[in-house]
Amino acid sequence: MIFVLTIVGLLIYGLGILFSSSWYIASNIHQNAYFFLIKQSIWTALGLFLMFILSKIDYKKWKKVAIWLLGVAVISLIAVQFVGIPVSGTRRWFRIGVIGFQTGELAKFAFMLFLATYFSNLSEEKEKLLKNVSLSIWNFCSSYLLTYSTT
């Protein structure tokens, strides 16, 4: 429950930041100060609805499609360079009817799902090795950031 409340709190905070930074432009361009807030709220509600629906799917089913989804994501990342819609000089978008999506978003989800599946299948020895490597990387990155963030 705390996780859900945290997500909802961050979404509300984000919508507030969006409104405070866009109301002036929205009122001048669209004659409605709430234009971007309404538009983002609709997408937020859709995202929450999809989160709820997808959370009801058994995680074992996600494991079965992880590698296939990663393959589709990689193919779409390559294909978008040839048949994607150019936006601001780059080809990162596919459009299917009125719906447009960035293939990078699919790739992020597919990669996260693949890594979760991969790590859940590790043996205990490999988990210890992975934990030690992860801690080493974390220590290096935090030391680097502490050292160079002040200069």
N, C-alpha and C. Protein backbone atom coordinates (compact mmCIF):
# COMPACT_ATOMS: atom_id res chain seq x y z
N MET A 1 0.82 -1.20 0.00
CA MET A 1 0.00 0.00 0.00
C MET A 1 0.87 1.26 0.00
N ILE A 2 1.98 1.20 0.74
CA ILE A 2 2.88 2.36 0.78
C ILE A 2 3.46 2.62 -0.61
N PHE A 3 3.75 1.55 -1.35
CA PHE A 3 4.28 1.69 -2.70
C PHE A 3 3.29 2.43 -3.60
N VAL A 4 2.04 2.04 -3.54
CA VAL A 4 1.00 2.68 -4.36
C VAL A 4 0.83 4.14 -3.96
N LEU A 5 0.82 4.42 -2.66
CA LEU A 5 0.68 5.80 -2.19
C LEU A 5 1.88 6.64 -2.62
N THR A 6 3.05 6.05 -2.63
CA THR A 6 4.24 6.77 -3.09
C THR A 6 4.12 7.11 -4.56
N ILE A 7 3.67 6.16 -5.37
CA ILE A 7 3.49 6.41 -6.80
C ILE A 7 2.46 7.51 -7.02
N VAL A 8 1.33 7.41 -6.35
CA VAL A 8 0.27 8.43 -6.52
C VAL A 8 0.78 9.79 -6.06
N GLY A 9 1.51 9.83 -4.95
CA GLY A 9 2.06 11.10 -4.48
C GLY A 9 3.02 11.72 -5.47
N LEU A 10 3.90 10.91 -6.06
CA LEU A 10 4.84 11.41 -7.06
C LEU A 10 4.11 11.89 -8.32
N LEU A 11 3.06 11.18 -8.70
CA LEU A 11 2.28 11.60 -9.87
C LEU A 11 1.60 12.94 -9.62
N ILE A 12 1.01 13.11 -8.46
CA ILE A 12 0.35 14.38 -8.12
C ILE A 12 1.38 15.50 -8.07
N TYR A 13 2.52 15.24 -7.47
CA TYR A 13 3.58 16.24 -7.41
C TYR A 13 4.03 16.62 -8.83
N GLY A 14 4.22 15.63 -9.68
CA GLY A 14 4.62 15.88 -11.06
C GLY A 14 3.59 16.70 -11.82
N LEU A 15 2.32 16.38 -11.62
CA LEU A 15 1.27 17.16 -12.28
C LEU A 15 1.28 18.60 -11.79
N GLY A 16 1.54 18.79 -10.50
CA GLY A 16 1.63 20.15 -9.96
C GLY A 16 2.78 20.93 -10.56
N ILE A 17 3.93 20.28 -10.70
CA ILE A 17 5.10 20.92 -11.32
C ILE A 17 4.79 21.24 -12.78
N LEU A 18 4.16 20.32 -13.47
CA LEU A 18 3.79 20.55 -14.87
C LEU A 18 2.89 21.77 -14.99
N PHE A 19 1.88 21.85 -14.14
CA PHE A 19 0.95 22.98 -14.21
C PHE A 19 1.66 24.29 -13.90
N SER A 20 2.50 24.28 -12.87
CA SER A 20 3.14 25.54 -12.49
C SER A 20 4.12 26.03 -13.56
N SER A 21 4.66 25.12 -14.35
CA SER A 21 5.60 25.53 -15.39
C SER A 21 4.96 25.76 -16.75
N SER A 22 3.70 25.38 -16.92
CA SER A 22 3.11 25.47 -18.26
C SER A 22 1.83 26.28 -18.34
N TRP A 23 1.29 26.76 -17.24
CA TRP A 23 -0.01 27.43 -17.30
C TRP A 23 0.03 28.70 -18.15
N TYR A 24 1.12 29.42 -18.10
CA TYR A 24 1.20 30.68 -18.84
C TYR A 24 1.20 30.43 -20.34
N ILE A 25 2.04 29.49 -20.77
CA ILE A 25 2.10 29.15 -22.20
C ILE A 25 0.78 28.56 -22.66
N ALA A 26 0.20 27.69 -21.85
CA ALA A 26 -1.07 27.06 -22.21
C ALA A 26 -2.17 28.11 -22.36
N SER A 27 -2.19 29.08 -21.46
CA SER A 27 -3.25 30.10 -21.55
C SER A 27 -3.05 31.01 -22.75
N ASN A 28 -1.81 31.25 -23.15
CA ASN A 28 -1.56 32.10 -24.32
C ASN A 28 -1.78 31.37 -25.64
N ILE A 29 -1.35 30.13 -25.71
CA ILE A 29 -1.44 29.39 -26.97
C ILE A 29 -2.81 28.72 -27.13
N HIS A 30 -3.31 28.10 -26.08
CA HIS A 30 -4.54 27.31 -26.17
C HIS A 30 -5.74 27.97 -25.50
N GLN A 31 -5.56 29.17 -24.95
CA GLN A 31 -6.61 29.90 -24.24
C GLN A 31 -7.21 29.08 -23.10
N ASN A 32 -6.44 28.18 -22.55
CA ASN A 32 -6.87 27.37 -21.41
C ASN A 32 -5.63 27.05 -20.58
N ALA A 33 -5.56 27.64 -19.40
CA ALA A 33 -4.38 27.46 -18.55
C ALA A 33 -4.20 26.00 -18.13
N TYR A 34 -5.24 25.21 -18.19
CA TYR A 34 -5.20 23.82 -17.75
C TYR A 34 -4.98 22.83 -18.90
N PHE A 35 -4.71 23.32 -20.10
CA PHE A 35 -4.61 22.46 -21.28
C PHE A 35 -3.63 21.31 -21.08
N PHE A 36 -2.37 21.64 -20.72
CA PHE A 36 -1.36 20.60 -20.55
C PHE A 36 -1.63 19.74 -19.33
N LEU A 37 -2.18 20.33 -18.29
CA LEU A 37 -2.52 19.56 -17.08
C LEU A 37 -3.59 18.52 -17.40
N ILE A 38 -4.61 18.92 -18.14
CA ILE A 38 -5.68 17.98 -18.52
C ILE A 38 -5.13 16.86 -19.40
N LYS A 39 -4.32 17.25 -20.38
CA LYS A 39 -3.77 16.27 -21.30
C LYS A 39 -2.89 15.26 -20.55
N GLN A 40 -2.02 15.75 -19.67
CA GLN A 40 -1.15 14.86 -18.91
C GLN A 40 -1.93 14.03 -17.90
N SER A 41 -2.99 14.60 -17.34
CA SER A 41 -3.82 13.85 -16.38
C SER A 41 -4.51 12.66 -17.05
N ILE A 42 -4.93 12.85 -18.28
CA ILE A 42 -5.55 11.74 -19.03
C ILE A 42 -4.53 10.61 -19.22
N TRP A 43 -3.31 10.96 -19.63
CA TRP A 43 -2.28 9.93 -19.82
C TRP A 43 -1.88 9.30 -18.50
N THR A 44 -1.88 10.09 -17.43
CA THR A 44 -1.57 9.55 -16.10
C THR A 44 -2.62 8.54 -15.68
N ALA A 45 -3.88 8.88 -15.88
CA ALA A 45 -4.96 7.95 -15.52
C ALA A 45 -4.87 6.67 -16.35
N LEU A 46 -4.57 6.81 -17.63
CA LEU A 46 -4.41 5.63 -18.48
C LEU A 46 -3.25 4.77 -18.00
N GLY A 47 -2.14 5.41 -17.63
CA GLY A 47 -0.99 4.68 -17.12
C GLY A 47 -1.30 3.94 -15.82
N LEU A 48 -2.03 4.58 -14.92
CA LEU A 48 -2.41 3.93 -13.67
C LEU A 48 -3.33 2.75 -13.93
N PHE A 49 -4.26 2.91 -14.87
CA PHE A 49 -5.16 1.83 -15.23
C PHE A 49 -4.37 0.64 -15.79
N LEU A 50 -3.43 0.91 -16.71
CA LEU A 50 -2.61 -0.16 -17.28
C LEU A 50 -1.73 -0.80 -16.22
N MET A 51 -1.21 0.00 -15.29
CA MET A 51 -0.40 -0.56 -14.20
C MET A 51 -1.24 -1.54 -13.39
N PHE A 52 -2.47 -1.17 -13.10
CA PHE A 52 -3.35 -2.05 -12.33
C PHE A 52 -3.62 -3.34 -13.11
N ILE A 53 -3.97 -3.22 -14.38
CA ILE A 53 -4.27 -4.40 -15.20
C ILE A 53 -3.05 -5.31 -15.33
N LEU A 54 -1.89 -4.74 -15.65
CA LEU A 54 -0.70 -5.54 -15.85
C LEU A 54 -0.20 -6.18 -14.56
N SER A 55 -0.50 -5.56 -13.42
CA SER A 55 -0.08 -6.15 -12.15
C SER A 55 -0.87 -7.41 -11.81
N LYS A 56 -1.99 -7.62 -12.46
CA LYS A 56 -2.81 -8.82 -12.22
C LYS A 56 -2.32 -10.03 -13.01
N ILE A 57 -1.40 -9.82 -13.94
CA ILE A 57 -0.86 -10.93 -14.72
C ILE A 57 0.22 -11.63 -13.90
N ASP A 58 0.16 -12.95 -13.84
CA ASP A 58 1.11 -13.74 -13.08
C ASP A 58 2.52 -13.51 -13.61
N TYR A 59 3.45 -13.29 -12.70
CA TYR A 59 4.82 -12.97 -13.10
C TYR A 59 5.48 -14.09 -13.89
N LYS A 60 5.04 -15.32 -13.71
CA LYS A 60 5.62 -16.43 -14.46
C LYS A 60 5.31 -16.32 -15.96
N LYS A 61 4.18 -15.70 -16.28
CA LYS A 61 3.85 -15.48 -17.69
C LYS A 61 4.77 -14.43 -18.30
N TRP A 62 5.15 -13.43 -17.49
CA TRP A 62 6.08 -12.41 -17.98
C TRP A 62 7.44 -13.04 -18.28
N LYS A 63 7.85 -14.01 -17.45
CA LYS A 63 9.12 -14.68 -17.68
C LYS A 63 9.16 -15.36 -19.04
N LYS A 64 8.03 -15.92 -19.44
CA LYS A 64 7.97 -16.66 -20.71
C LYS A 64 8.11 -15.74 -21.92
N VAL A 65 7.68 -14.51 -21.81
CA VAL A 65 7.72 -13.61 -22.97
C VAL A 65 8.89 -12.63 -22.93
N ALA A 66 9.70 -12.67 -21.88
CA ALA A 66 10.76 -11.68 -21.71
C ALA A 66 11.74 -11.66 -22.87
N ILE A 67 12.24 -12.81 -23.26
CA ILE A 67 13.25 -12.85 -24.32
C ILE A 67 12.64 -12.46 -25.67
N TRP A 68 11.40 -12.88 -25.90
CA TRP A 68 10.72 -12.52 -27.15
C TRP A 68 10.46 -11.02 -27.21
N LEU A 69 10.04 -10.45 -26.11
CA LEU A 69 9.79 -9.01 -26.07
C LEU A 69 11.07 -8.22 -26.28
N LEU A 70 12.17 -8.72 -25.71
CA LEU A 70 13.46 -8.07 -25.93
C LEU A 70 13.85 -8.14 -27.41
N GLY A 71 13.60 -9.27 -28.05
CA GLY A 71 13.87 -9.40 -29.48
C GLY A 71 13.05 -8.43 -30.31
N VAL A 72 11.77 -8.31 -29.98
CA VAL A 72 10.90 -7.37 -30.70
C VAL A 72 11.40 -5.94 -30.48
N ALA A 73 11.83 -5.63 -29.27
CA ALA A 73 12.32 -4.29 -28.97
C ALA A 73 13.57 -3.96 -29.77
N VAL A 74 14.50 -4.91 -29.85
CA VAL A 74 15.73 -4.68 -30.61
C VAL A 74 15.41 -4.49 -32.09
N ILE A 75 14.54 -5.34 -32.62
CA ILE A 75 14.15 -5.21 -34.03
C ILE A 75 13.46 -3.87 -34.28
N SER A 76 12.61 -3.45 -33.35
CA SER A 76 11.92 -2.16 -33.53
C SER A 76 12.89 -1.00 -33.44
N LEU A 77 13.92 -1.11 -32.60
CA LEU A 77 14.92 -0.04 -32.52
C LEU A 77 15.68 0.10 -33.83
N ILE A 78 15.92 -1.02 -34.48
CA ILE A 78 16.60 -0.98 -35.78
C ILE A 78 15.64 -0.49 -36.86
N ALA A 79 14.43 -1.03 -36.86
CA ALA A 79 13.45 -0.69 -37.91
C ALA A 79 13.05 0.79 -37.88
N VAL A 80 12.99 1.38 -36.70
CA VAL A 80 12.55 2.77 -36.61
C VAL A 80 13.52 3.71 -37.34
N GLN A 81 14.77 3.29 -37.47
CA GLN A 81 15.74 4.11 -38.18
C GLN A 81 15.44 4.20 -39.68
N PHE A 82 14.68 3.23 -40.18
CA PHE A 82 14.38 3.20 -41.61
C PHE A 82 12.95 3.61 -41.93
N VAL A 83 12.00 3.23 -41.08
CA VAL A 83 10.59 3.50 -41.39
C VAL A 83 9.90 4.37 -40.33
N GLY A 84 10.67 4.86 -39.38
CA GLY A 84 10.08 5.68 -38.33
C GLY A 84 9.72 7.07 -38.84
N ILE A 85 8.94 7.77 -38.04
CA ILE A 85 8.52 9.12 -38.38
C ILE A 85 9.55 10.10 -37.84
N PRO A 86 10.07 10.99 -38.71
CA PRO A 86 11.05 11.96 -38.22
C PRO A 86 10.37 13.05 -37.36
N VAL A 87 10.91 13.23 -36.16
CA VAL A 87 10.44 14.28 -35.26
C VAL A 87 11.68 15.02 -34.77
N SER A 88 11.72 16.30 -35.02
CA SER A 88 12.87 17.14 -34.64
C SER A 88 14.18 16.60 -35.19
N GLY A 89 14.14 16.08 -36.39
CA GLY A 89 15.36 15.64 -37.04
C GLY A 89 15.82 14.23 -36.72
N THR A 90 15.12 13.51 -35.85
CA THR A 90 15.51 12.13 -35.54
C THR A 90 14.34 11.19 -35.77
N ARG A 91 14.67 9.96 -36.04
CA ARG A 91 13.63 8.95 -36.25
C ARG A 91 13.58 8.05 -35.02
N ARG A 92 12.67 8.36 -34.11
CA ARG A 92 12.51 7.57 -32.89
C ARG A 92 11.07 7.15 -32.67
N TRP A 93 10.19 7.50 -33.56
CA TRP A 93 8.76 7.28 -33.35
C TRP A 93 8.18 6.38 -34.44
N PHE A 94 7.30 5.47 -34.02
CA PHE A 94 6.43 4.73 -34.91
C PHE A 94 5.03 5.29 -34.73
N ARG A 95 4.26 5.31 -35.78
CA ARG A 95 2.88 5.73 -35.67
C ARG A 95 2.01 4.63 -36.24
N ILE A 96 1.04 4.20 -35.42
CA ILE A 96 0.05 3.22 -35.85
C ILE A 96 -1.30 3.90 -35.69
N GLY A 97 -1.87 4.32 -36.80
CA GLY A 97 -3.12 5.09 -36.75
C GLY A 97 -2.87 6.43 -36.08
N VAL A 98 -3.62 6.72 -35.04
CA VAL A 98 -3.44 7.98 -34.33
C VAL A 98 -2.49 7.84 -33.15
N ILE A 99 -2.04 6.62 -32.88
CA ILE A 99 -1.18 6.37 -31.73
C ILE A 99 0.27 6.36 -32.19
N GLY A 100 1.09 7.16 -31.54
CA GLY A 100 2.52 7.18 -31.80
C GLY A 100 3.25 6.71 -30.56
N PHE A 101 4.35 5.99 -30.74
CA PHE A 101 5.13 5.56 -29.57
C PHE A 101 6.60 5.52 -29.93
N GLN A 102 7.41 5.74 -28.92
CA GLN A 102 8.85 5.67 -29.09
C GLN A 102 9.30 4.24 -28.81
N THR A 103 10.10 3.71 -29.71
CA THR A 103 10.56 2.34 -29.54
C THR A 103 11.49 2.21 -28.33
N GLY A 104 12.10 3.31 -27.94
CA GLY A 104 12.97 3.28 -26.76
C GLY A 104 12.20 2.94 -25.50
N GLU A 105 10.93 3.34 -25.42
CA GLU A 105 10.11 3.02 -24.25
C GLU A 105 9.84 1.52 -24.18
N LEU A 106 9.56 0.92 -25.32
CA LEU A 106 9.39 -0.54 -25.37
C LEU A 106 10.69 -1.23 -24.99
N ALA A 107 11.81 -0.71 -25.47
CA ALA A 107 13.11 -1.31 -25.17
C ALA A 107 13.43 -1.24 -23.68
N LYS A 108 13.10 -0.12 -23.04
CA LYS A 108 13.35 -0.01 -21.60
C LYS A 108 12.56 -1.05 -20.83
N PHE A 109 11.28 -1.19 -21.17
CA PHE A 109 10.44 -2.18 -20.49
C PHE A 109 10.94 -3.59 -20.75
N ALA A 110 11.26 -3.90 -22.01
CA ALA A 110 11.71 -5.24 -22.37
C ALA A 110 13.04 -5.57 -21.70
N PHE A 111 13.95 -4.61 -21.63
CA PHE A 111 15.24 -4.85 -21.01
C PHE A 111 15.09 -5.07 -19.51
N MET A 112 14.23 -4.27 -18.87
CA MET A 112 13.97 -4.44 -17.44
C MET A 112 13.36 -5.81 -17.17
N LEU A 113 12.43 -6.23 -17.99
CA LEU A 113 11.80 -7.53 -17.83
C LEU A 113 12.80 -8.66 -18.06
N PHE A 114 13.64 -8.51 -19.06
CA PHE A 114 14.67 -9.51 -19.34
C PHE A 114 15.65 -9.61 -18.17
N LEU A 115 16.11 -8.48 -17.64
CA LEU A 115 17.04 -8.52 -16.51
C LEU A 115 16.41 -9.14 -15.27
N ALA A 116 15.14 -8.81 -15.02
CA ALA A 116 14.45 -9.41 -13.87
C ALA A 116 14.36 -10.92 -14.03
N THR A 117 14.07 -11.38 -15.23
CA THR A 117 14.01 -12.82 -15.50
C THR A 117 15.39 -13.46 -15.34
N TYR A 118 16.38 -12.80 -15.89
CA TYR A 118 17.75 -13.33 -15.81
C TYR A 118 18.21 -13.45 -14.36
N PHE A 119 18.03 -12.38 -13.59
CA PHE A 119 18.51 -12.40 -12.21
C PHE A 119 17.71 -13.36 -11.33
N SER A 120 16.45 -13.56 -11.66
CA SER A 120 15.66 -14.50 -10.85
C SER A 120 16.06 -15.94 -11.10
N ASN A 121 16.76 -16.20 -12.19
CA ASN A 121 17.19 -17.56 -12.51
C ASN A 121 18.63 -17.86 -12.07
N LEU A 122 19.29 -16.91 -11.43
CA LEU A 122 20.67 -17.13 -11.00
C LEU A 122 20.74 -18.08 -9.81
N SER A 123 21.81 -18.83 -9.76
CA SER A 123 22.02 -19.68 -8.59
C SER A 123 22.57 -18.83 -7.45
N GLU A 124 22.66 -19.42 -6.26
CA GLU A 124 23.10 -18.67 -5.08
C GLU A 124 24.54 -18.19 -5.21
N GLU A 125 25.42 -19.00 -5.79
CA GLU A 125 26.82 -18.59 -5.96
C GLU A 125 26.92 -17.39 -6.90
N LYS A 126 26.18 -17.46 -7.98
CA LYS A 126 26.20 -16.34 -8.92
C LYS A 126 25.59 -15.09 -8.29
N GLU A 127 24.61 -15.28 -7.43
CA GLU A 127 24.01 -14.14 -6.75
C GLU A 127 25.03 -13.44 -5.86
N LYS A 128 25.86 -14.23 -5.16
CA LYS A 128 26.89 -13.64 -4.31
C LYS A 128 27.89 -12.86 -5.14
N LEU A 129 28.31 -13.44 -6.27
CA LEU A 129 29.24 -12.76 -7.16
C LEU A 129 28.61 -11.47 -7.69
N LEU A 130 27.36 -11.56 -8.12
CA LEU A 130 26.66 -10.39 -8.64
C LEU A 130 26.53 -9.31 -7.57
N LYS A 131 26.24 -9.71 -6.35
CA LYS A 131 26.12 -8.74 -5.25
C LYS A 131 27.45 -8.04 -5.01
N ASN A 132 28.54 -8.79 -5.00
CA ASN A 132 29.85 -8.19 -4.79
C ASN A 132 30.23 -7.24 -5.93
N VAL A 133 29.96 -7.65 -7.16
CA VAL A 133 30.25 -6.79 -8.31
C VAL A 133 29.38 -5.53 -8.25
N SER A 134 28.10 -5.70 -7.93
CA SER A 134 27.20 -4.55 -7.83
C SER A 134 27.65 -3.57 -6.76
N LEU A 135 28.06 -4.11 -5.60
CA LEU A 135 28.56 -3.24 -4.53
C LEU A 135 29.83 -2.51 -4.94
N SER A 136 30.70 -3.20 -5.67
CA SER A 136 31.92 -2.56 -6.14
C SER A 136 31.61 -1.43 -7.12
N ILE A 137 30.70 -1.69 -8.03
CA ILE A 137 30.31 -0.66 -8.99
C ILE A 137 29.66 0.51 -8.26
N TRP A 138 28.79 0.22 -7.30
CA TRP A 138 28.13 1.28 -6.53
C TRP A 138 29.16 2.12 -5.78
N ASN A 139 30.13 1.46 -5.13
CA ASN A 139 31.17 2.18 -4.40
C ASN A 139 31.99 3.06 -5.34
N PHE A 140 32.34 2.53 -6.50
CA PHE A 140 33.11 3.31 -7.46
C PHE A 140 32.32 4.53 -7.93
N CYS A 141 31.05 4.32 -8.31
CA CYS A 141 30.22 5.42 -8.82
C CYS A 141 29.97 6.48 -7.75
N SER A 142 29.67 6.05 -6.54
CA SER A 142 29.42 7.04 -5.48
C SER A 142 30.69 7.80 -5.14
N SER A 143 31.84 7.12 -5.14
CA SER A 143 33.11 7.80 -4.88
C SER A 143 33.41 8.80 -6.00
N TYR A 144 33.18 8.40 -7.23
CA TYR A 144 33.39 9.28 -8.37
C TYR A 144 32.50 10.51 -8.28
N LEU A 145 31.22 10.30 -7.99
CA LEU A 145 30.30 11.42 -7.90
C LEU A 145 30.66 12.36 -6.76
N LEU A 146 31.05 11.81 -5.62
CA LEU A 146 31.44 12.65 -4.49
C LEU A 146 32.72 13.43 -4.79
N THR A 147 33.62 12.80 -5.52
CA THR A 147 34.89 13.44 -5.83
C THR A 147 34.72 14.56 -6.85
N TYR A 148 33.97 14.29 -7.91
CA TYR A 148 33.91 15.23 -9.02
C TYR A 148 32.67 16.12 -9.04
N SER A 149 31.74 15.92 -8.12
CA SER A 149 30.55 16.76 -8.12
C SER A 149 30.83 18.13 -7.53
N THR A 150 31.93 18.29 -6.79
CA THR A 150 32.24 19.57 -6.18
C THR A 150 33.13 20.44 -7.06
N THR A 151 33.63 19.87 -8.15
CA THR A 151 34.52 20.66 -9.00
C THR A 151 33.81 21.23 -10.19
